[in-house]
Amino acid sequence: MVVFKGSIEFDWDKGNIGKNKKHGVEDKESEEPFFDKKKVVNKDRFHSQGEERFILLGKTKKKRLLYISFTMRGEMKEKIRVISARDINKREVKFYTK
Protein backbone atom coordinates (compact mmCIF):
# COMPACT_ATOMS: atom_id res chain seq x y z
CA MET A 1 0.00 0.00 0.00
CA VAL A 2 1.20 3.52 -0.80
CA VAL A 3 0.84 6.31 1.73
CA PHE A 4 0.86 9.88 0.46
CA LYS A 5 2.72 12.14 2.89
CA GLY A 6 2.13 15.87 3.03
CA SER A 7 0.49 17.73 0.17
CA ILE A 8 -0.14 15.97 -3.11
CA GLU A 9 1.47 17.43 -6.23
CA PHE A 10 0.84 16.24 -9.79
CA ASP A 11 3.35 16.12 -12.65
CA TRP A 12 1.73 17.13 -15.96
CA ASP A 13 3.68 17.82 -19.16
CA LYS A 14 3.28 17.33 -22.90
CA GLY A 15 3.89 13.59 -22.45
CA ASN A 16 0.80 12.97 -20.33
CA ILE A 17 -1.44 16.04 -20.48
CA GLY A 18 -4.72 15.30 -22.26
CA LYS A 19 -3.70 11.69 -22.78
CA ASN A 20 -6.79 10.23 -21.09
CA LYS A 21 -9.39 12.11 -23.13
CA LYS A 22 -9.59 8.96 -25.28
CA HIS A 23 -11.11 7.31 -22.18
CA GLY A 24 -13.36 10.31 -21.50
CA VAL A 25 -11.30 11.40 -18.46
CA GLU A 26 -10.05 14.97 -18.06
CA ASP A 27 -6.72 15.61 -16.33
CA LYS A 28 -8.25 17.39 -13.32
CA GLU A 29 -10.84 14.63 -12.93
CA SER A 30 -8.06 12.01 -12.81
CA GLU A 31 -6.57 13.84 -9.80
CA GLU A 32 -9.77 13.64 -7.73
CA PRO A 33 -9.60 9.92 -6.74
CA PHE A 34 -6.28 10.56 -4.96
CA PHE A 35 -8.35 12.45 -2.35
CA ASP A 36 -10.99 9.69 -2.00
CA LYS A 37 -10.82 8.44 1.60
CA LYS A 38 -11.83 4.94 0.43
CA LYS A 39 -9.29 4.75 -2.42
CA VAL A 40 -7.38 1.51 -2.94
CA VAL A 41 -3.71 1.75 -3.98
CA ASN A 42 -1.46 -1.18 -4.85
CA LYS A 43 1.82 -1.73 -6.64
CA ASP A 44 1.46 -2.61 -10.33
CA ARG A 45 3.62 -5.72 -10.47
CA PHE A 46 3.05 -6.27 -14.18
CA HIS A 47 4.21 -2.85 -15.41
CA SER A 48 6.99 -1.87 -12.98
CA GLN A 49 10.03 -2.89 -15.02
CA GLY A 50 11.56 0.53 -15.81
CA GLU A 51 10.06 2.38 -12.86
CA GLU A 52 7.84 1.52 -9.92
CA ARG A 53 4.19 1.90 -10.91
CA PHE A 54 1.00 1.84 -8.90
CA ILE A 55 -2.71 1.36 -9.46
CA LEU A 56 -5.34 3.44 -7.72
CA LEU A 57 -9.07 2.69 -7.64
CA GLY A 58 -11.12 5.62 -6.42
CA LYS A 59 -14.09 7.93 -6.89
CA THR A 60 -14.25 11.39 -8.37
CA LYS A 61 -16.34 14.22 -6.93
CA LYS A 62 -19.17 13.09 -9.23
CA LYS A 63 -18.92 9.50 -7.84
CA ARG A 64 -17.32 8.15 -11.02
CA LEU A 65 -15.09 5.14 -10.25
CA LEU A 66 -11.72 5.37 -11.97
CA TYR A 67 -8.77 3.02 -12.47
CA ILE A 68 -5.58 5.07 -12.48
CA SER A 69 -2.07 3.91 -13.29
CA PHE A 70 0.61 6.24 -11.93
CA THR A 71 4.21 6.57 -10.82
CA MET A 72 5.99 8.80 -8.33
CA ARG A 73 8.56 11.28 -9.68
CA GLY A 74 10.89 13.93 -8.35
CA GLU A 75 13.95 13.85 -6.11
CA MET A 76 11.94 12.71 -3.11
CA LYS A 77 9.23 10.88 -5.09
CA GLU A 78 6.92 13.74 -4.15
CA LYS A 79 5.09 14.18 -7.47
CA ILE A 80 2.37 11.94 -8.87
CA ARG A 81 2.55 11.34 -12.61
CA VAL A 82 -0.68 9.90 -14.00
CA ILE A 83 0.09 7.40 -16.74
CA SER A 84 -3.45 6.28 -17.53
CA ALA A 85 -6.98 6.89 -16.23
CA ARG A 86 -10.16 5.10 -17.27
CA ASP A 87 -13.48 3.92 -15.91
CA ILE A 88 -13.23 0.93 -13.60
CA ASN A 89 -14.58 -2.34 -15.06
CA LYS A 90 -17.03 -4.77 -13.40
CA ARG A 91 -14.28 -7.15 -12.31
CA GLU A 92 -12.33 -4.35 -10.61
CA VAL A 93 -15.31 -2.96 -8.65
CA LYS A 94 -15.00 -5.75 -6.06
CA PHE A 95 -11.46 -4.57 -5.19
CA TYR A 96 -12.75 -1.07 -4.44
CA THR A 97 -15.82 -2.16 -2.46
CA LYS A 98 -14.02 -4.62 -0.14
PDB file of N, CA and C in Angstrom:
ATOM      1  N   MET A   1       0.848  -1.182   0.000  1.00  0.00           N
ATOM      2  CA  MET A   1       0.000   0.000   0.000  1.00  0.00           C
ATOM      3  C   MET A   1       0.885   1.234   0.000  1.00  0.00           C
ATOM      4  N   VAL A   2       0.466   2.255  -0.707  1.00  0.00           N
ATOM      5  CA  VAL A   2       1.199   3.516  -0.805  1.00  0.00           C
ATOM      6  C   VAL A   2       0.536   4.531   0.117  1.00  0.00           C
ATOM      7  N   VAL A   3       1.341   5.254   0.865  1.00  0.00           N
ATOM      8  CA  VAL A   3       0.837   6.312   1.726  1.00  0.00           C
ATOM      9  C   VAL A   3       1.364   7.630   1.188  1.00  0.00           C
ATOM     10  N   PHE A   4       0.461   8.574   0.951  1.00  0.00           N
ATOM     11  CA  PHE A   4       0.857   9.883   0.459  1.00  0.00           C
ATOM     12  C   PHE A   4       1.118  10.784   1.659  1.00  0.00           C
ATOM     13  N   LYS A   5       2.333  11.288   1.773  1.00  0.00           N
ATOM     14  CA  LYS A   5       2.718  12.142   2.895  1.00  0.00           C
ATOM     15  C   LYS A   5       2.682  13.594   2.457  1.00  0.00           C
ATOM     16  N   GLY A   6       2.162  14.440   3.325  1.00  0.00           N
ATOM     17  CA  GLY A   6       2.132  15.867   3.032  1.00  0.00           C
ATOM     18  C   GLY A   6       1.134  16.199   1.925  1.00  0.00           C
ATOM     19  N   SER A   7       1.379  17.313   1.247  1.00  0.00           N
ATOM     20  CA  SER A   7       0.492  17.731   0.169  1.00  0.00           C
ATOM     21  C   SER A   7       0.759  16.888  -1.077  1.00  0.00           C
ATOM     22  N   ILE A   8      -0.260  16.760  -1.886  1.00  0.00           N
ATOM     23  CA  ILE A   8      -0.144  15.971  -3.107  1.00  0.00           C
ATOM     24  C   ILE A   8       0.090  16.923  -4.281  1.00  0.00           C
ATOM     25  N   GLU A   9       1.121  16.629  -5.060  1.00  0.00           N
ATOM     26  CA  GLU A   9       1.468  17.435  -6.229  1.00  0.00           C
ATOM     27  C   GLU A   9       1.463  16.520  -7.455  1.00  0.00           C
ATOM     28  N   PHE A  10       0.925  17.026  -8.565  1.00  0.00           N
ATOM     29  CA  PHE A  10       0.845  16.241  -9.787  1.00  0.00           C
ATOM     30  C   PHE A  10       1.841  16.757 -10.827  1.00  0.00           C
ATOM     31  N   ASP A  11       2.367  15.827 -11.612  1.00  0.00           N
ATOM     32  CA  ASP A  11       3.351  16.122 -12.645  1.00  0.00           C
ATOM     33  C   ASP A  11       2.677  15.987 -14.009  1.00  0.00           C
ATOM     34  N   TRP A  12       2.347  17.116 -14.632  1.00  0.00           N
ATOM     35  CA  TRP A  12       1.726  17.130 -15.958  1.00  0.00           C
ATOM     36  C   TRP A  12       2.676  17.824 -16.931  1.00  0.00           C
ATOM     37  N   ASP A  13       2.888  17.211 -18.092  1.00  0.00           N
ATOM     38  CA  ASP A  13       3.681  17.822 -19.162  1.00  0.00           C
ATOM     39  C   ASP A  13       3.142  17.330 -20.500  1.00  0.00           C
ATOM     40  N   LYS A  14       3.797  17.691 -21.576  1.00  0.00           N
ATOM     41  CA  LYS A  14       3.281  17.325 -22.903  1.00  0.00           C
ATOM     42  C   LYS A  14       3.209  15.809 -23.119  1.00  0.00           C
ATOM     43  N   GLY A  15       3.919  15.045 -22.317  1.00  0.00           N
ATOM     44  CA  GLY A  15       3.894  13.594 -22.451  1.00  0.00           C
ATOM     45  C   GLY A  15       2.655  12.937 -21.889  1.00  0.00           C
ATOM     46  N   ASN A  16       1.983  13.594 -20.916  1.00  0.00           N
ATOM     47  CA  ASN A  16       0.800  12.968 -20.335  1.00  0.00           C
ATOM     48  C   ASN A  16      -0.429  13.875 -20.268  1.00  0.00           C
ATOM     49  N   ILE A  17      -0.287  15.143 -20.558  1.00  0.00           N
ATOM     50  CA  ILE A  17      -1.439  16.040 -20.484  1.00  0.00           C
ATOM     51  C   ILE A  17      -2.424  15.724 -21.618  1.00  0.00           C
ATOM     52  N   GLY A  18      -3.683  15.593 -21.271  1.00  0.00           N
ATOM     53  CA  GLY A  18      -4.722  15.301 -22.256  1.00  0.00           C
ATOM     54  C   GLY A  18      -4.739  13.876 -22.771  1.00  0.00           C
ATOM     55  N   LYS A  19      -3.856  13.055 -22.279  1.00  0.00           N
ATOM     56  CA  LYS A  19      -3.696  11.687 -22.776  1.00  0.00           C
ATOM     57  C   LYS A  19      -4.925  10.807 -22.517  1.00  0.00           C
ATOM     58  N   ASN A  20      -5.682  11.097 -21.468  1.00  0.00           N
ATOM     59  CA  ASN A  20      -6.791  10.228 -21.091  1.00  0.00           C
ATOM     60  C   ASN A  20      -8.141  10.668 -21.635  1.00  0.00           C
ATOM     61  N   LYS A  21      -8.133  11.688 -22.485  1.00  0.00           N
ATOM     62  CA  LYS A  21      -9.386  12.110 -23.129  1.00  0.00           C
ATOM     63  C   LYS A  21      -9.975  10.983 -23.967  1.00  0.00           C
ATOM     64  N   LYS A  22      -9.104  10.098 -24.485  1.00  0.00           N
ATOM     65  CA  LYS A  22      -9.589   8.961 -25.278  1.00  0.00           C
ATOM     66  C   LYS A  22     -10.460   8.031 -24.437  1.00  0.00           C
ATOM     67  N   HIS A  23     -10.292   8.091 -23.101  1.00  0.00           N
ATOM     68  CA  HIS A  23     -11.109   7.308 -22.182  1.00  0.00           C
ATOM     69  C   HIS A  23     -12.223   8.163 -21.568  1.00  0.00           C
ATOM     70  N   GLY A  24     -12.339   9.400 -22.022  1.00  0.00           N
ATOM     71  CA  GLY A  24     -13.357  10.309 -21.497  1.00  0.00           C
ATOM     72  C   GLY A  24     -13.021  10.866 -20.130  1.00  0.00           C
ATOM     73  N   VAL A  25     -11.734  10.914 -19.774  1.00  0.00           N
ATOM     74  CA  VAL A  25     -11.301  11.399 -18.462  1.00  0.00           C
ATOM     75  C   VAL A  25     -10.427  12.636 -18.647  1.00  0.00           C
ATOM     76  N   GLU A  26     -10.839  13.734 -18.035  1.00  0.00           N
ATOM     77  CA  GLU A  26     -10.052  14.970 -18.065  1.00  0.00           C
ATOM     78  C   GLU A  26      -8.935  14.879 -17.030  1.00  0.00           C
ATOM     79  N   ASP A  27      -7.871  15.640 -17.232  1.00  0.00           N
ATOM     80  CA  ASP A  27      -6.718  15.609 -16.325  1.00  0.00           C
ATOM     81  C   ASP A  27      -7.109  15.926 -14.883  1.00  0.00           C
ATOM     82  N   LYS A  28      -7.841  17.002 -14.677  1.00  0.00           N
ATOM     83  CA  LYS A  28      -8.248  17.394 -13.322  1.00  0.00           C
ATOM     84  C   LYS A  28      -9.119  16.321 -12.676  1.00  0.00           C
ATOM     85  N   GLU A  29      -9.979  15.698 -13.463  1.00  0.00           N
ATOM     86  CA  GLU A  29     -10.836  14.631 -12.928  1.00  0.00           C
ATOM     87  C   GLU A  29      -9.998  13.436 -12.487  1.00  0.00           C
ATOM     88  N   SER A  30      -8.907  13.152 -13.177  1.00  0.00           N
ATOM     89  CA  SER A  30      -8.060  12.015 -12.811  1.00  0.00           C
ATOM     90  C   SER A  30      -7.286  12.280 -11.515  1.00  0.00           C
ATOM     91  N   GLU A  31      -7.218  13.517 -11.075  1.00  0.00           N
ATOM     92  CA  GLU A  31      -6.568  13.843  -9.800  1.00  0.00           C
ATOM     93  C   GLU A  31      -7.501  13.595  -8.613  1.00  0.00           C
ATOM     94  N   GLU A  32      -8.792  13.710  -8.822  1.00  0.00           N
ATOM     95  CA  GLU A  32      -9.771  13.641  -7.733  1.00  0.00           C
ATOM     96  C   GLU A  32      -9.740  12.336  -6.931  1.00  0.00           C
ATOM     97  N   PRO A  33      -9.610  11.156  -7.539  1.00  0.00           N
ATOM     98  CA  PRO A  33      -9.602   9.923  -6.744  1.00  0.00           C
ATOM     99  C   PRO A  33      -8.452   9.815  -5.745  1.00  0.00           C
ATOM    100  N   PHE A  34      -7.386  10.587  -5.916  1.00  0.00           N
ATOM    101  CA  PHE A  34      -6.283  10.563  -4.962  1.00  0.00           C
ATOM    102  C   PHE A  34      -6.711  11.124  -3.602  1.00  0.00           C
ATOM    103  N   PHE A  35      -7.825  11.864  -3.579  1.00  0.00           N
ATOM    104  CA  PHE A  35      -8.349  12.449  -2.346  1.00  0.00           C
ATOM    105  C   PHE A  35      -9.537  11.671  -1.793  1.00  0.00           C
ATOM    106  N   ASP A  36      -9.913  10.573  -2.441  1.00  0.00           N
ATOM    107  CA  ASP A  36     -10.995   9.691  -1.997  1.00  0.00           C
ATOM    108  C   ASP A  36     -10.514   8.947  -0.750  1.00  0.00           C
ATOM    109  N   LYS A  37     -11.227   9.089   0.345  1.00  0.00           N
ATOM    110  CA  LYS A  37     -10.820   8.437   1.598  1.00  0.00           C
ATOM    111  C   LYS A  37     -10.903   6.917   1.513  1.00  0.00           C
ATOM    112  N   LYS A  38     -11.677   6.395   0.580  1.00  0.00           N
ATOM    113  CA  LYS A  38     -11.826   4.942   0.429  1.00  0.00           C
ATOM    114  C   LYS A  38     -10.988   4.389  -0.726  1.00  0.00           C
ATOM    115  N   LYS A  39     -10.093   5.190  -1.274  1.00  0.00           N
ATOM    116  CA  LYS A  39      -9.287   4.745  -2.417  1.00  0.00           C
ATOM    117  C   LYS A  39      -8.494   3.492  -2.057  1.00  0.00           C
ATOM    118  N   VAL A  40      -8.199   2.706  -3.089  1.00  0.00           N
ATOM    119  CA  VAL A  40      -7.380   1.506  -2.939  1.00  0.00           C
ATOM    120  C   VAL A  40      -6.149   1.704  -3.816  1.00  0.00           C
ATOM    121  N   VAL A  41      -4.950   1.558  -3.230  1.00  0.00           N
ATOM    122  CA  VAL A  41      -3.706   1.747  -3.976  1.00  0.00           C
ATOM    123  C   VAL A  41      -2.833   0.513  -3.780  1.00  0.00           C
ATOM    124  N   ASN A  42      -2.358  -0.034  -4.885  1.00  0.00           N
ATOM    125  CA  ASN A  42      -1.462  -1.182  -4.852  1.00  0.00           C
ATOM    126  C   ASN A  42      -0.361  -1.018  -5.880  1.00  0.00           C
ATOM    127  N   LYS A  43       0.725  -1.732  -5.671  1.00  0.00           N
ATOM    128  CA  LYS A  43       1.818  -1.729  -6.636  1.00  0.00           C
ATOM    129  C   LYS A  43       1.366  -2.472  -7.892  1.00  0.00           C
ATOM    130  N   ASP A  44       1.741  -1.955  -9.044  1.00  0.00           N
ATOM    131  CA  ASP A  44       1.456  -2.607 -10.327  1.00  0.00           C
ATOM    132  C   ASP A  44       2.634  -3.517 -10.654  1.00  0.00           C
ATOM    133  N   ARG A  45       2.520  -4.769 -10.289  1.00  0.00           N
ATOM    134  CA  ARG A  45       3.621  -5.721 -10.467  1.00  0.00           C
ATOM    135  C   ARG A  45       3.896  -6.057 -11.925  1.00  0.00           C
ATOM    136  N   PHE A  46       2.898  -5.898 -12.774  1.00  0.00           N
ATOM    137  CA  PHE A  46       3.047  -6.273 -14.181  1.00  0.00           C
ATOM    138  C   PHE A  46       3.725  -5.205 -15.031  1.00  0.00           C
ATOM    139  N   HIS A  47       3.685  -3.943 -14.599  1.00  0.00           N
ATOM    140  CA  HIS A  47       4.206  -2.849 -15.410  1.00  0.00           C
ATOM    141  C   HIS A  47       5.279  -2.031 -14.699  1.00  0.00           C
ATOM    142  N   SER A  48       5.985  -2.610 -13.752  1.00  0.00           N
ATOM    143  CA  SER A  48       6.987  -1.873 -12.979  1.00  0.00           C
ATOM    144  C   SER A  48       8.416  -2.229 -13.365  1.00  0.00           C
ATOM    145  N   GLN A  49       8.678  -2.512 -14.621  1.00  0.00           N
ATOM    146  CA  GLN A  49      10.033  -2.887 -15.023  1.00  0.00           C
ATOM    147  C   GLN A  49      10.981  -1.695 -15.007  1.00  0.00           C
ATOM    148  N   GLY A  50      10.673  -0.628 -15.717  1.00  0.00           N
ATOM    149  CA  GLY A  50      11.557   0.528 -15.814  1.00  0.00           C
ATOM    150  C   GLY A  50      11.462   1.451 -14.610  1.00  0.00           C
ATOM    151  N   GLU A  51      10.287   1.550 -14.035  1.00  0.00           N
ATOM    152  CA  GLU A  51      10.064   2.379 -12.856  1.00  0.00           C
ATOM    153  C   GLU A  51       8.923   1.766 -12.050  1.00  0.00           C
ATOM    154  N   GLU A  52       8.891   2.055 -10.777  1.00  0.00           N
ATOM    155  CA  GLU A  52       7.843   1.524  -9.917  1.00  0.00           C
ATOM    156  C   GLU A  52       6.516   2.198 -10.265  1.00  0.00           C
ATOM    157  N   ARG A  53       5.511   1.382 -10.566  1.00  0.00           N
ATOM    158  CA  ARG A  53       4.188   1.898 -10.910  1.00  0.00           C
ATOM    159  C   ARG A  53       3.150   1.385  -9.928  1.00  0.00           C
ATOM    160  N   PHE A  54       2.070   2.152  -9.837  1.00  0.00           N
ATOM    161  CA  PHE A  54       1.003   1.844  -8.900  1.00  0.00           C
ATOM    162  C   PHE A  54      -0.345   1.935  -9.608  1.00  0.00           C
ATOM    163  N   ILE A  55      -1.342   1.294  -8.979  1.00  0.00           N
ATOM    164  CA  ILE A  55      -2.715   1.356  -9.464  1.00  0.00           C
ATOM    165  C   ILE A  55      -3.581   1.900  -8.338  1.00  0.00           C
ATOM    166  N   LEU A  56      -4.413   2.860  -8.677  1.00  0.00           N
ATOM    167  CA  LEU A  56      -5.342   3.438  -7.717  1.00  0.00           C
ATOM    168  C   LEU A  56      -6.759   3.228  -8.224  1.00  0.00           C
ATOM    169  N   LEU A  57      -7.638   2.772  -7.358  1.00  0.00           N
ATOM    170  CA  LEU A  57      -9.065   2.685  -7.639  1.00  0.00           C
ATOM    171  C   LEU A  57      -9.740   3.674  -6.703  1.00  0.00           C
ATOM    172  N   GLY A  58     -10.486   4.614  -7.264  1.00  0.00           N
ATOM    173  CA  GLY A  58     -11.120   5.620  -6.416  1.00  0.00           C
ATOM    174  C   GLY A  58     -12.200   6.387  -7.139  1.00  0.00           C
ATOM    175  N   LYS A  59     -12.959   7.167  -6.358  1.00  0.00           N
ATOM    176  CA  LYS A  59     -14.094   7.928  -6.893  1.00  0.00           C
ATOM    177  C   LYS A  59     -13.738   9.396  -7.096  1.00  0.00           C
ATOM    178  N   THR A  60     -14.360   9.959  -8.115  1.00  0.00           N
ATOM    179  CA  THR A  60     -14.251  11.389  -8.373  1.00  0.00           C
ATOM    180  C   THR A  60     -15.319  12.119  -7.553  1.00  0.00           C
ATOM    181  N   LYS A  61     -15.330  13.431  -7.638  1.00  0.00           N
ATOM    182  CA  LYS A  61     -16.344  14.222  -6.935  1.00  0.00           C
ATOM    183  C   LYS A  61     -17.751  13.881  -7.408  1.00  0.00           C
ATOM    184  N   LYS A  62     -17.862  13.453  -8.666  1.00  0.00           N
ATOM    185  CA  LYS A  62     -19.168  13.085  -9.235  1.00  0.00           C
ATOM    186  C   LYS A  62     -19.468  11.602  -9.067  1.00  0.00           C
ATOM    187  N   LYS A  63     -18.724  10.924  -8.181  1.00  0.00           N
ATOM    188  CA  LYS A  63     -18.920   9.503  -7.845  1.00  0.00           C
ATOM    189  C   LYS A  63     -18.578   8.551  -8.984  1.00  0.00           C
ATOM    190  N   ARG A  64     -17.784   8.997  -9.918  1.00  0.00           N
ATOM    191  CA  ARG A  64     -17.325   8.148 -11.018  1.00  0.00           C
ATOM    192  C   ARG A  64     -16.138   7.331 -10.523  1.00  0.00           C
ATOM    193  N   LEU A  65     -16.190   6.011 -10.673  1.00  0.00           N
ATOM    194  CA  LEU A  65     -15.094   5.141 -10.248  1.00  0.00           C
ATOM    195  C   LEU A  65     -14.051   5.065 -11.352  1.00  0.00           C
ATOM    196  N   LEU A  66     -12.807   5.384 -10.996  1.00  0.00           N
ATOM    197  CA  LEU A  66     -11.723   5.366 -11.971  1.00  0.00           C
ATOM    198  C   LEU A  66     -10.611   4.397 -11.573  1.00  0.00           C
ATOM    199  N   TYR A  67      -9.970   3.853 -12.582  1.00  0.00           N
ATOM    200  CA  TYR A  67      -8.773   3.018 -12.465  1.00  0.00           C
ATOM    201  C   TYR A  67      -7.636   3.893 -12.967  1.00  0.00           C
ATOM    202  N   ILE A  68      -6.666   4.168 -12.111  1.00  0.00           N
ATOM    203  CA  ILE A  68      -5.578   5.068 -12.476  1.00  0.00           C
ATOM    204  C   ILE A  68      -4.238   4.372 -12.290  1.00  0.00           C
ATOM    205  N   SER A  69      -3.442   4.408 -13.340  1.00  0.00           N
ATOM    206  CA  SER A  69      -2.066   3.914 -13.286  1.00  0.00           C
ATOM    207  C   SER A  69      -1.190   5.145 -13.120  1.00  0.00           C
ATOM    208  N   PHE A  70      -0.248   5.079 -12.162  1.00  0.00           N
ATOM    209  CA  PHE A  70       0.612   6.241 -11.927  1.00  0.00           C
ATOM    210  C   PHE A  70       1.971   5.815 -11.389  1.00  0.00           C
ATOM    211  N   THR A  71       2.883   6.759 -11.396  1.00  0.00           N
ATOM    212  CA  THR A  71       4.212   6.573 -10.816  1.00  0.00           C
ATOM    213  C   THR A  71       4.531   7.802  -9.982  1.00  0.00           C
ATOM    214  N   MET A  72       5.553   7.685  -9.160  1.00  0.00           N
ATOM    215  CA  MET A  72       5.994   8.803  -8.328  1.00  0.00           C
ATOM    216  C   MET A  72       7.293   9.338  -8.927  1.00  0.00           C
ATOM    217  N   ARG A  73       7.382  10.648  -9.081  1.00  0.00           N
ATOM    218  CA  ARG A  73       8.557  11.278  -9.678  1.00  0.00           C
ATOM    219  C   ARG A  73       9.103  12.356  -8.763  1.00  0.00           C
ATOM    220  N   GLY A  74      10.252  12.864  -9.118  1.00  0.00           N
ATOM    221  CA  GLY A  74      10.894  13.926  -8.351  1.00  0.00           C
ATOM    222  C   GLY A  74      11.992  13.360  -7.473  1.00  0.00           C
ATOM    223  N   GLU A  75      12.818  14.251  -6.956  1.00  0.00           N
ATOM    224  CA  GLU A  75      13.948  13.849  -6.113  1.00  0.00           C
ATOM    225  C   GLU A  75      13.516  13.001  -4.929  1.00  0.00           C
ATOM    226  N   MET A  76      12.427  13.390  -4.310  1.00  0.00           N
ATOM    227  CA  MET A  76      11.944  12.706  -3.110  1.00  0.00           C
ATOM    228  C   MET A  76      10.681  11.885  -3.401  1.00  0.00           C
ATOM    229  N   LYS A  77      10.442  11.610  -4.674  1.00  0.00           N
ATOM    230  CA  LYS A  77       9.228  10.884  -5.092  1.00  0.00           C
ATOM    231  C   LYS A  77       7.981  11.600  -4.569  1.00  0.00           C
ATOM    232  N   GLU A  78       7.986  12.929  -4.704  1.00  0.00           N
ATOM    233  CA  GLU A  78       6.915  13.743  -4.150  1.00  0.00           C
ATOM    234  C   GLU A  78       5.833  14.109  -5.165  1.00  0.00           C
ATOM    235  N   LYS A  79       6.054  13.808  -6.435  1.00  0.00           N
ATOM    236  CA  LYS A  79       5.091  14.175  -7.474  1.00  0.00           C
ATOM    237  C   LYS A  79       4.436  12.930  -8.068  1.00  0.00           C
ATOM    238  N   ILE A  80       3.131  13.027  -8.259  1.00  0.00           N
ATOM    239  CA  ILE A  80       2.370  11.940  -8.865  1.00  0.00           C
ATOM    240  C   ILE A  80       2.265  12.209 -10.353  1.00  0.00           C
ATOM    241  N   ARG A  81       2.668  11.238 -11.153  1.00  0.00           N
ATOM    242  CA  ARG A  81       2.548  11.341 -12.610  1.00  0.00           C
ATOM    243  C   ARG A  81       1.524  10.309 -13.057  1.00  0.00           C
ATOM    244  N   VAL A  82       0.378  10.789 -13.515  1.00  0.00           N
ATOM    245  CA  VAL A  82      -0.675   9.901 -14.001  1.00  0.00           C
ATOM    246  C   VAL A  82      -0.260   9.364 -15.361  1.00  0.00           C
ATOM    247  N   ILE A  83      -0.262   8.052 -15.482  1.00  0.00           N
ATOM    248  CA  ILE A  83       0.085   7.404 -16.741  1.00  0.00           C
ATOM    249  C   ILE A  83      -1.172   7.120 -17.549  1.00  0.00           C
ATOM    250  N   SER A  84      -2.208   6.640 -16.855  1.00  0.00           N
ATOM    251  CA  SER A  84      -3.447   6.275 -17.529  1.00  0.00           C
ATOM    252  C   SER A  84      -4.606   6.389 -16.547  1.00  0.00           C
ATOM    253  N   ALA A  85      -5.759   6.823 -17.044  1.00  0.00           N
ATOM    254  CA  ALA A  85      -6.980   6.894 -16.234  1.00  0.00           C
ATOM    255  C   ALA A  85      -8.161   6.492 -17.101  1.00  0.00           C
ATOM    256  N   ARG A  86      -8.981   5.607 -16.544  1.00  0.00           N
ATOM    257  CA  ARG A  86     -10.155   5.104 -17.273  1.00  0.00           C
ATOM    258  C   ARG A  86     -11.217   4.698 -16.264  1.00  0.00           C
ATOM    259  N   ASP A  87     -12.425   4.436 -16.780  1.00  0.00           N
ATOM    260  CA  ASP A  87     -13.479   3.920 -15.909  1.00  0.00           C
ATOM    261  C   ASP A  87     -13.102   2.529 -15.419  1.00  0.00           C
ATOM    262  N   ILE A  88     -13.480   2.238 -14.204  1.00  0.00           N
ATOM    263  CA  ILE A  88     -13.231   0.931 -13.604  1.00  0.00           C
ATOM    264  C   ILE A  88     -14.153  -0.090 -14.285  1.00  0.00           C
ATOM    265  N   ASN A  89     -13.697  -1.333 -14.446  1.00  0.00           N
ATOM    266  CA  ASN A  89     -14.579  -2.340 -15.055  1.00  0.00           C
ATOM    267  C   ASN A  89     -15.271  -3.171 -13.976  1.00  0.00           C
ATOM    268  N   LYS A  90     -16.229  -3.999 -14.363  1.00  0.00           N
ATOM    269  CA  LYS A  90     -17.030  -4.767 -13.402  1.00  0.00           C
ATOM    270  C   LYS A  90     -16.181  -5.653 -12.513  1.00  0.00           C
ATOM    271  N   ARG A  91     -15.155  -6.245 -13.074  1.00  0.00           N
ATOM    272  CA  ARG A  91     -14.282  -7.148 -12.312  1.00  0.00           C
ATOM    273  C   ARG A  91     -13.505  -6.384 -11.237  1.00  0.00           C
ATOM    274  N   GLU A  92     -13.137  -5.148 -11.531  1.00  0.00           N
ATOM    275  CA  GLU A  92     -12.329  -4.350 -10.610  1.00  0.00           C
ATOM    276  C   GLU A  92     -13.142  -3.710  -9.483  1.00  0.00           C
ATOM    277  N   VAL A  93     -14.456  -3.586  -9.661  1.00  0.00           N
ATOM    278  CA  VAL A  93     -15.307  -2.965  -8.652  1.00  0.00           C
ATOM    279  C   VAL A  93     -15.179  -3.667  -7.315  1.00  0.00           C
ATOM    280  N   LYS A  94     -15.077  -4.993  -7.324  1.00  0.00           N
ATOM    281  CA  LYS A  94     -14.997  -5.745  -6.059  1.00  0.00           C
ATOM    282  C   LYS A  94     -13.763  -5.366  -5.244  1.00  0.00           C
ATOM    283  N   PHE A  95     -12.664  -4.966  -5.910  1.00  0.00           N
ATOM    284  CA  PHE A  95     -11.462  -4.572  -5.187  1.00  0.00           C
ATOM    285  C   PHE A  95     -11.659  -3.233  -4.481  1.00  0.00           C
ATOM    286  N   TYR A  96     -12.488  -2.368  -5.061  1.00  0.00           N
ATOM    287  CA  TYR A  96     -12.754  -1.074  -4.444  1.00  0.00           C
ATOM    288  C   TYR A  96     -13.751  -1.210  -3.290  1.00  0.00           C
ATOM    289  N   THR A  97     -14.744  -2.062  -3.450  1.00  0.00           N
ATOM    290  CA  THR A  97     -15.820  -2.163  -2.461  1.00  0.00           C
ATOM    291  C   THR A  97     -15.486  -3.027  -1.250  1.00  0.00           C
ATOM    292  N   LYS A  98     -14.384  -3.777  -1.296  1.00  0.00           N
ATOM    293  CA  LYS A  98     -14.018  -4.624  -0.142  1.00  0.00           C
ATOM    294  C   LYS A  98     -13.563  -3.816   1.034  1.00  0.00           C
TER     295      LYS A  98
END
